[in-house]
Structures are given as C-alpha cells and as structure tokens.
Amino acid sequence: TADFIFIDEVSMIGCEALFQIGSAISSAKGESSKAFGGMNMIFAGDFAQLTPVLATPLYAKFSDLVAKKSAQECIVGKMLWEQVRSIVILKKNMRQSTISKDDEKLRQALENMRYKSCTQQDLQFLHTLHVSRKRLATCMTRRSAIITPLNVERDTINEVCAYKFAQESNQRLESFFSIDSLPKKSGAGKHKKEIHGQLSVKERQLLWNLPSSNTEKIPSVLYICYGLPVILRTNDATSLGMTNGAEGLVIGWDVEPRTLFDRKILRTVYVKLSRPVRQIRLPDLPTNVVPVTRRSETITCRHQNGTFRRICRNQIPLNLNFAMTDYASQGKSREINVVS
C-alpha cells in the first residue's frame, strides 16, 4: 500500500478539485474522519504560475467562496488546504543555472515578474528578445512551436503553418476524418452502459467543420504529411514516451481500406519522438518511432452557435504542433521559445 501521495503543479488545482481528491482518497482508505483518509500528502508547485482553469484557487479567501455555485465543496477543499503546515521553499532555479550576462538578466527578470516588481532594466532586456519577421520564419523552419494564450489562435497558426509546410516541402497535405457517433445510455443503475447511435450526414459535416479547440483537442480532421510536427494528446504508453504533450514528427501512416462518405480514415500514424527520455526500439520500426493508433473517446463538442453536443469520437489522438497554448507549454525545456 502507498504511504505518500505526491501531487505536482498544485497551483493549477482548485478548491473543488482538492475536495474531490480528498473525498476519493478517504473513500479508498475507508477513513472519513481524517483529511485525505490519513494519507501523507506532499504538494509541489509555484503559486506565481498559472491559476486553475475555471476553478477557485487554493489561496482564495473564505469570504470569496460563499457565493460560488459549489460553495460547500469549495469551502471543504479550502479547509483541507489550510491543514498543510510544513512548507519547504526551494530557492535555487535549476533551469537558470548558467552564468552568462544574458542568463543573469533573464533570471532576474523572471524573479521580479513573480512579485510584480519588474524594473526598467528588466523591460529593456525583454525588448531585446523581440523576434523579427525574418527570425520568426527561421524559428518556424526549425519547428519551434509558437506559444500563444488562446486555443483559437493555436488552431489558426497550426492550420496556416501546416499548409505552408506542405507547400515548401512539395507535398500534399492529406486530410483524414474522425468517425463520430451519438452515445446513448441503456440499462439502469450500475448496469447502465453506452451504446452508439448514428449521426446524419449533415450532423457529421457540422462536427467535421469544428476546430480542435471546440472538440476537446481531439481533431475532427487530422491534416498530415511527411515531417509534419505533431504533439500527442493521450497517455498511451508512458514507458515508451507516448505521453500527453510528447512532441515528434510524422514519418508515415496507414490508411483504412474503407472510407466514410468518401472521406479517408487513418488507422495508424508513425511518429518519431523528438526528445524521448530513453532510446526506444520497437520491432520493424526505426529508433524512437512509435505507432499512434485510433481510439474512441466520448467528448463534448461546442458548435459555432454556442450549443453543445456529446458524441463518441474515434480518431488518432494527435494535434499539429506549430503552436501550443501557454498551459501546454508548462514544464517544457526547449532551445527556442517564440511567444505571441
């Protein structure tokens, strides 16, 4: 049995989520009278980083929680957090350990940003990091994903750059469509299960027209060609480096013999991982190349008119990687970082 539970990036956990985590652990341990079922909890993170998405941060005041829709869960989650008493502050920046003059200026600027105390010298130094159009084109050629705050901006950059990449490499950008169906519930109670209902051609077309930001990042149409940079969206095999956020290049793919309303369907995409933690050797595949296969997942799609639809989508869980959001970029060490 586990003695400790370690949770990283705690700044991105809201009060509601901490309540749910605590409740699940207490239920699993069969001990509801103790916080987290009496387990030893270790939290790590930086509250000067991004806040939780659509959730109440752990440092919120109790007075701000009362008006919340899930006020009770928020308050209990906040109370769980308030029971953390032993705090260790790590001060050495391991990612800024070099000692050039520019490294020191960047380290100081980042430190000042944490406390909203940037100086004029910090701003002058940051202005020297602006990228010209020529340098930006070089960065894109080197396949450095542009970091942007909005999903819609990411999708637009990915689409434009994918066509540009295919054109410059004298290739045709192939399009492969998802297999969508309508999930329905059958049975009752514990025996309830999901069965798949048919969607009309018009409904499928509406779903295929949606960008990945409207379909929980599972693409409606996946555009690929040889050498195209992509990012994995699921944790398929952590031992092989096939984790959510892993980056790589497309080196090949297999197509299903059948089509769906004359649309082509992918069976497998072969991706050469860019920075695997260890060398990967699979039978009949080059070094560091992994097969990414289709999988089914129930997702919520948001139509352009603001309405939502729950569907079951069968697709290769990949996204183009010419751009990523600031949330997706967290924790990545890269030679070049372009921020829009």
Protein backbone atom coordinates (compact mmCIF):
# COMPACT_ATOMS: atom_id res chain seq x y z
CA THR A 1 0.00 0.00 0.00
CA ALA A 2 1.08 3.61 -0.59
CA ASP A 3 2.39 5.68 2.31
CA PHE A 4 2.73 9.00 0.46
CA ILE A 5 0.83 10.71 -2.32
CA PHE A 6 2.75 13.34 -4.31
CA ILE A 7 0.81 16.00 -6.26
CA ASP A 8 2.73 18.36 -8.54
CA GLU A 9 1.61 21.70 -10.06
CA VAL A 10 -0.66 22.32 -7.08
CA SER A 11 -1.28 25.92 -8.21
CA MET A 12 -3.45 24.54 -11.02
CA ILE A 13 -5.66 22.57 -8.60
CA GLY A 14 -8.79 24.39 -7.47
CA CYS A 15 -10.60 24.09 -4.16
CA GLU A 16 -13.29 21.95 -5.78
CA ALA A 17 -10.71 19.54 -7.22
CA LEU A 18 -8.88 19.24 -3.89
CA PHE A 19 -12.18 18.37 -2.21
CA GLN A 20 -12.78 15.65 -4.81
CA ILE A 21 -9.24 14.31 -4.39
CA GLY A 22 -9.60 14.22 -0.61
CA SER A 23 -13.01 12.57 -0.84
CA ALA A 24 -11.74 9.89 -3.23
CA ILE A 25 -8.72 9.08 -1.04
CA SER A 26 -10.84 8.94 2.14
CA SER A 27 -13.30 6.62 0.41
CA ALA A 28 -10.50 4.36 -0.83
CA LYS A 29 -8.93 4.22 2.64
CA GLY A 30 -12.28 3.77 4.39
CA GLU A 31 -11.35 6.61 6.74
CA SER A 32 -13.65 9.64 6.50
CA SER A 33 -12.76 11.24 9.84
CA LYS A 34 -9.23 12.25 8.72
CA ALA A 35 -8.10 14.60 6.00
CA PHE A 36 -7.16 12.63 2.88
CA GLY A 37 -8.02 9.45 4.74
CA GLY A 38 -4.93 9.89 6.94
CA MET A 39 -2.53 9.64 3.98
CA ASN A 40 0.72 11.58 3.93
CA MET A 41 0.31 14.25 1.24
CA ILE A 42 3.17 16.10 -0.48
CA PHE A 43 2.24 19.07 -2.68
CA ALA A 44 4.64 20.85 -5.01
CA GLY A 45 4.19 23.83 -7.26
CA ASP A 46 4.52 27.56 -7.71
CA PHE A 47 1.59 29.86 -6.99
CA ALA A 48 3.23 32.56 -9.11
CA GLN A 49 2.42 30.45 -12.17
CA LEU A 50 -0.89 29.83 -13.95
CA THR A 51 -4.12 29.68 -11.97
CA PRO A 52 -6.52 26.71 -12.17
CA VAL A 53 -8.79 26.64 -15.23
CA LEU A 54 -12.39 27.71 -14.42
CA ALA A 55 -11.85 26.90 -10.74
CA THR A 56 -11.29 28.60 -7.39
CA PRO A 57 -7.57 28.87 -6.46
CA LEU A 58 -6.47 27.42 -3.15
CA TYR A 59 -5.30 30.83 -1.94
CA ALA A 60 -8.79 32.37 -2.31
CA LYS A 61 -10.31 33.93 0.81
CA PHE A 62 -13.08 32.06 2.62
CA SER A 63 -15.33 35.09 2.15
CA ASP A 64 -14.99 34.72 -1.63
CA LEU A 65 -16.19 31.11 -1.59
CA VAL A 66 -19.70 31.61 -0.22
CA ALA A 67 -21.15 32.90 -3.48
CA LYS A 68 -19.74 30.02 -5.52
CA LYS A 69 -22.13 27.54 -7.13
CA SER A 70 -20.27 24.70 -5.43
CA ALA A 71 -19.66 26.68 -2.23
CA GLN A 72 -19.69 23.67 0.10
CA GLU A 73 -17.11 21.75 -1.92
CA CYS A 74 -15.00 24.91 -2.27
CA ILE A 75 -15.00 25.52 1.48
CA VAL A 76 -14.14 21.92 2.35
CA GLY A 77 -11.35 21.93 -0.26
CA LYS A 78 -10.03 25.21 1.15
CA MET A 79 -10.13 23.75 4.69
CA LEU A 80 -8.14 20.73 3.50
CA TRP A 81 -5.51 23.04 2.06
CA GLU A 82 -5.36 25.09 5.26
CA GLN A 83 -4.29 21.93 7.12
CA VAL A 84 -0.95 21.93 5.28
CA ARG A 85 1.55 23.16 7.83
CA SER A 86 5.06 22.04 6.83
CA ILE A 87 6.37 24.22 3.99
CA VAL A 88 9.73 23.98 2.22
CA ILE A 89 10.64 26.89 -0.06
CA LEU A 90 13.01 25.98 -2.91
CA LYS A 91 15.05 28.99 -4.00
CA LYS A 92 17.60 27.64 -6.48
CA ASN A 93 16.47 27.91 -10.11
CA MET A 94 17.81 24.73 -11.69
CA ARG A 95 16.71 25.77 -15.19
CA GLN A 96 18.68 29.01 -14.98
CA SER A 97 21.96 27.67 -13.67
CA THR A 98 24.27 29.10 -16.38
CA ILE A 99 26.10 32.35 -15.63
CA SER A 100 26.33 34.41 -18.82
CA LYS A 101 25.29 38.06 -18.53
CA ASP A 102 22.08 37.46 -20.51
CA ASP A 103 21.27 34.40 -18.36
CA GLU A 104 21.60 36.53 -15.23
CA LYS A 105 19.40 39.28 -16.70
CA LEU A 106 16.71 36.76 -17.64
CA ARG A 107 16.86 35.08 -14.24
CA GLN A 108 16.49 38.46 -12.50
CA ALA A 109 13.61 39.49 -14.78
CA LEU A 110 11.77 36.22 -14.11
CA GLU A 111 12.31 36.63 -10.37
CA ASN A 112 10.93 40.19 -10.49
CA MET A 113 7.91 39.03 -12.50
CA ARG A 114 6.95 36.71 -9.66
CA TYR A 115 6.39 39.67 -7.37
CA LYS A 116 5.11 42.19 -9.96
CA SER A 117 8.24 44.29 -9.44
CA CYS A 118 9.87 44.45 -12.87
CA THR A 119 12.35 47.30 -13.30
CA GLN A 120 13.06 49.47 -16.34
CA GLN A 121 16.21 47.40 -16.87
CA ASP A 122 14.10 44.24 -17.00
CA LEU A 123 11.83 45.76 -19.64
CA GLN A 124 14.77 46.96 -21.73
CA PHE A 125 16.28 43.47 -21.66
CA LEU A 126 12.98 41.79 -22.58
CA HIS A 127 12.61 44.17 -25.56
CA THR A 128 15.91 42.84 -26.91
CA LEU A 129 14.25 39.40 -27.16
CA HIS A 130 11.61 40.53 -29.65
CA VAL A 131 11.69 38.38 -32.77
CA SER A 132 11.79 39.97 -36.21
CA ARG A 133 9.73 38.53 -39.06
CA LYS A 134 12.89 37.05 -40.55
CA ARG A 135 13.91 35.38 -37.29
CA LEU A 136 10.34 34.20 -36.73
CA ALA A 137 10.38 32.47 -40.12
CA THR A 138 13.67 30.81 -39.12
CA CYS A 139 12.16 29.64 -35.84
CA MET A 140 9.17 28.17 -37.67
CA THR A 141 11.50 26.42 -40.09
CA ARG A 142 13.21 24.88 -37.08
CA ARG A 143 9.78 23.68 -35.92
CA SER A 144 9.69 25.62 -32.67
CA ALA A 145 6.05 25.76 -31.64
CA ILE A 146 4.77 29.28 -31.06
CA ILE A 147 3.33 29.76 -27.57
CA THR A 148 0.00 31.59 -27.57
CA PRO A 149 -2.61 32.17 -24.86
CA LEU A 150 -5.77 31.24 -26.77
CA ASN A 151 -6.89 27.92 -28.25
CA VAL A 152 -8.39 29.65 -31.30
CA GLU A 153 -5.05 31.34 -32.03
CA ARG A 154 -3.27 27.99 -31.70
CA ASP A 155 -5.67 26.37 -34.19
CA THR A 156 -5.27 29.23 -36.69
CA ILE A 157 -1.46 29.17 -36.54
CA ASN A 158 -1.41 25.38 -36.88
CA GLU A 159 -3.67 25.44 -39.93
CA VAL A 160 -1.75 28.21 -41.74
CA CYS A 161 1.66 26.74 -40.95
CA ALA A 162 0.63 23.20 -41.96
CA TYR A 163 -0.31 24.36 -45.47
CA LYS A 164 2.88 26.44 -45.65
CA PHE A 165 4.98 23.45 -44.55
CA ALA A 166 3.40 21.16 -47.15
CA GLN A 167 3.88 23.74 -49.89
CA GLU A 168 7.53 24.39 -49.04
CA SER A 169 8.29 20.66 -48.85
CA ASN A 170 6.47 19.96 -52.14
CA GLN A 171 3.90 17.71 -50.53
CA ARG A 172 0.15 17.38 -50.48
CA LEU A 173 -1.45 17.88 -47.09
CA GLU A 174 -3.58 14.76 -46.58
CA SER A 175 -6.85 15.05 -44.63
CA PHE A 176 -8.26 12.23 -42.52
CA PHE A 177 -11.65 12.38 -40.84
CA SER A 178 -12.93 11.22 -37.47
CA ILE A 179 -15.60 8.55 -37.02
CA ASP A 180 -18.32 10.13 -34.90
CA SER A 181 -21.37 8.55 -33.33
CA LEU A 182 -24.00 9.58 -30.85
CA PRO A 183 -23.58 7.99 -27.41
CA LYS A 184 -26.78 6.76 -25.79
CA LYS A 185 -27.35 5.34 -22.34
CA SER A 186 -29.02 1.96 -21.94
CA GLY A 187 -29.95 -0.04 -18.85
CA ALA A 188 -30.27 1.35 -15.37
CA GLY A 189 -28.19 1.86 -12.25
CA LYS A 190 -24.87 0.02 -12.20
CA HIS A 191 -25.84 -1.83 -15.39
CA LYS A 192 -26.11 1.38 -17.40
CA LYS A 193 -23.84 1.33 -20.45
CA GLU A 194 -23.14 3.41 -23.52
CA ILE A 195 -24.24 2.34 -26.98
CA HIS A 196 -23.53 4.29 -30.14
CA GLY A 197 -26.27 5.87 -32.23
CA GLN A 198 -25.95 7.05 -35.83
CA LEU A 199 -25.42 10.66 -36.84
CA SER A 200 -26.87 12.12 -40.03
CA VAL A 201 -24.56 13.25 -42.82
CA LYS A 202 -25.40 16.88 -42.01
CA GLU A 203 -24.57 16.39 -38.33
CA ARG A 204 -21.25 14.75 -39.20
CA GLN A 205 -20.38 17.62 -41.53
CA LEU A 206 -21.09 20.17 -38.81
CA LEU A 207 -18.80 18.28 -36.43
CA TRP A 208 -16.05 17.92 -39.05
CA ASN A 209 -16.06 21.70 -39.53
CA LEU A 210 -15.21 22.35 -35.87
CA PRO A 211 -11.63 23.24 -34.82
CA SER A 212 -9.92 21.12 -32.19
CA SER A 213 -10.45 23.86 -29.59
CA ASN A 214 -14.19 23.06 -29.85
CA THR A 215 -13.72 19.28 -29.62
CA GLU A 216 -11.58 18.80 -26.50
CA LYS A 217 -8.41 18.78 -28.68
CA ILE A 218 -9.45 15.55 -30.44
CA PRO A 219 -9.33 16.70 -34.09
CA SER A 220 -12.33 16.48 -36.39
CA VAL A 221 -9.99 16.37 -39.38
CA LEU A 222 -6.32 15.47 -38.98
CA TYR A 223 -4.05 17.00 -41.61
CA ILE A 224 -0.69 15.28 -42.07
CA CYS A 225 2.26 14.94 -44.41
CA TYR A 226 5.81 13.64 -44.01
CA GLY A 227 7.92 15.52 -41.47
CA LEU A 228 4.96 17.43 -40.03
CA PRO A 229 5.44 18.35 -36.34
CA VAL A 230 2.76 16.88 -34.08
CA ILE A 231 2.01 16.55 -30.37
CA LEU A 232 0.48 13.51 -28.64
CA ARG A 233 -2.75 14.08 -26.74
CA THR A 234 -3.05 10.95 -24.58
CA ASN A 235 -1.00 8.80 -22.21
CA ASP A 236 -0.88 5.61 -24.28
CA ALA A 237 2.43 4.11 -23.10
CA THR A 238 4.49 6.09 -20.61
CA SER A 239 7.35 3.58 -20.77
CA LEU A 240 7.69 4.37 -24.49
CA GLY A 241 7.44 8.13 -24.06
CA MET A 242 3.92 8.14 -25.55
CA THR A 243 2.52 10.67 -23.10
CA ASN A 244 0.20 13.66 -23.32
CA GLY A 245 2.36 16.53 -24.58
CA ALA A 246 5.12 14.43 -26.17
CA GLU A 247 6.33 16.02 -29.41
CA GLY A 248 7.52 14.42 -32.62
CA LEU A 249 7.49 14.31 -36.43
CA VAL A 250 5.26 12.27 -38.74
CA ILE A 251 7.28 9.71 -40.71
CA GLY A 252 4.41 7.60 -42.09
CA TRP A 253 0.84 6.37 -41.71
CA ASP A 254 -1.56 3.55 -42.55
CA VAL A 255 -4.99 4.23 -44.05
CA GLU A 256 -8.14 2.20 -43.50
CA PRO A 257 -9.25 0.37 -46.68
CA ARG A 258 -12.79 1.66 -46.19
CA THR A 259 -13.97 5.28 -46.38
CA LEU A 260 -16.72 7.21 -44.58
CA PHE A 261 -18.89 9.15 -47.04
CA ASP A 262 -15.87 9.20 -49.37
CA ARG A 263 -13.67 10.61 -46.58
CA LYS A 264 -10.42 8.85 -45.79
CA ILE A 265 -9.82 7.38 -42.32
CA LEU A 266 -6.49 6.81 -40.62
CA ARG A 267 -5.56 3.56 -38.96
CA THR A 268 -2.09 4.41 -37.56
CA VAL A 269 0.34 7.34 -37.61
CA TYR A 270 4.05 6.66 -37.07
CA VAL A 271 5.71 9.42 -35.06
CA LYS A 272 9.41 9.91 -34.38
CA LEU A 273 9.57 11.35 -30.87
CA SER A 274 11.73 14.47 -30.56
CA ARG A 275 13.08 14.12 -27.04
CA PRO A 276 12.28 10.72 -25.55
CA VAL A 277 13.61 10.11 -22.05
CA ARG A 278 15.34 6.99 -23.35
CA GLN A 279 16.02 5.38 -26.70
CA ILE A 280 13.00 3.47 -27.99
CA ARG A 281 13.35 0.41 -30.20
CA LEU A 282 10.21 -1.34 -31.41
CA PRO A 283 10.19 -4.31 -33.81
CA ASP A 284 10.24 -3.31 -37.50
CA LEU A 285 10.34 0.42 -36.67
CA PRO A 286 13.25 2.93 -36.70
CA THR A 287 14.73 4.14 -33.41
CA ASN A 288 12.43 6.42 -31.38
CA VAL A 289 9.48 5.82 -33.71
CA VAL A 290 6.16 4.85 -32.09
CA PRO A 291 2.78 3.91 -33.62
CA VAL A 292 -0.17 6.09 -32.60
CA THR A 293 -3.46 4.32 -33.26
CA ARG A 294 -7.10 5.37 -33.31
CA ARG A 295 -9.03 5.36 -30.10
CA SER A 296 -12.61 6.11 -29.09
CA GLU A 297 -13.41 8.80 -26.57
CA THR A 298 -16.63 10.47 -25.50
CA ILE A 299 -16.23 14.24 -25.80
CA THR A 300 -18.33 17.39 -25.66
CA CYS A 301 -18.31 19.46 -28.84
CA ARG A 302 -19.20 23.14 -28.92
CA HIS A 303 -20.89 24.32 -32.12
CA GLN A 304 -20.32 27.78 -33.57
CA ASN A 305 -23.78 28.91 -32.34
CA GLY A 306 -22.81 28.13 -28.74
CA THR A 307 -24.74 24.87 -28.38
CA PHE A 308 -23.07 21.72 -27.06
CA ARG A 309 -23.26 18.10 -28.18
CA ARG A 310 -21.94 14.95 -26.54
CA ILE A 311 -20.50 12.49 -29.08
CA CYS A 312 -18.26 9.45 -29.24
CA ARG A 313 -15.26 10.24 -31.45
CA ASN A 314 -12.89 7.67 -32.95
CA GLN A 315 -9.72 9.38 -34.16
CA ILE A 316 -5.91 9.44 -33.91
CA PRO A 317 -5.17 11.49 -30.75
CA LEU A 318 -2.69 13.91 -32.36
CA ASN A 319 -2.59 17.66 -32.90
CA LEU A 320 -0.44 19.78 -35.16
CA ASN A 321 2.47 21.34 -33.29
CA PHE A 322 3.32 24.62 -34.97
CA ALA A 323 1.68 26.32 -31.99
CA MET A 324 0.63 25.45 -28.46
CA THR A 325 -1.08 27.26 -25.60
CA ASP A 326 0.79 28.61 -22.61
CA TYR A 327 -0.81 25.90 -20.47
CA ALA A 328 0.52 23.16 -22.77
CA SER A 329 4.00 24.71 -22.75
CA GLN A 330 4.41 24.48 -18.97
CA GLY A 331 7.30 22.30 -17.88
CA LYS A 332 8.88 22.06 -21.34
CA SER A 333 12.58 22.84 -21.81
CA ARG A 334 13.26 23.97 -25.40
CA GLU A 335 16.10 25.64 -27.26
CA ILE A 336 13.82 28.31 -28.79
CA ASN A 337 10.56 29.66 -27.38
CA VAL A 338 8.52 32.03 -29.53
CA VAL A 339 5.66 33.75 -27.67
CA SER A 340 2.88 35.59 -29.47
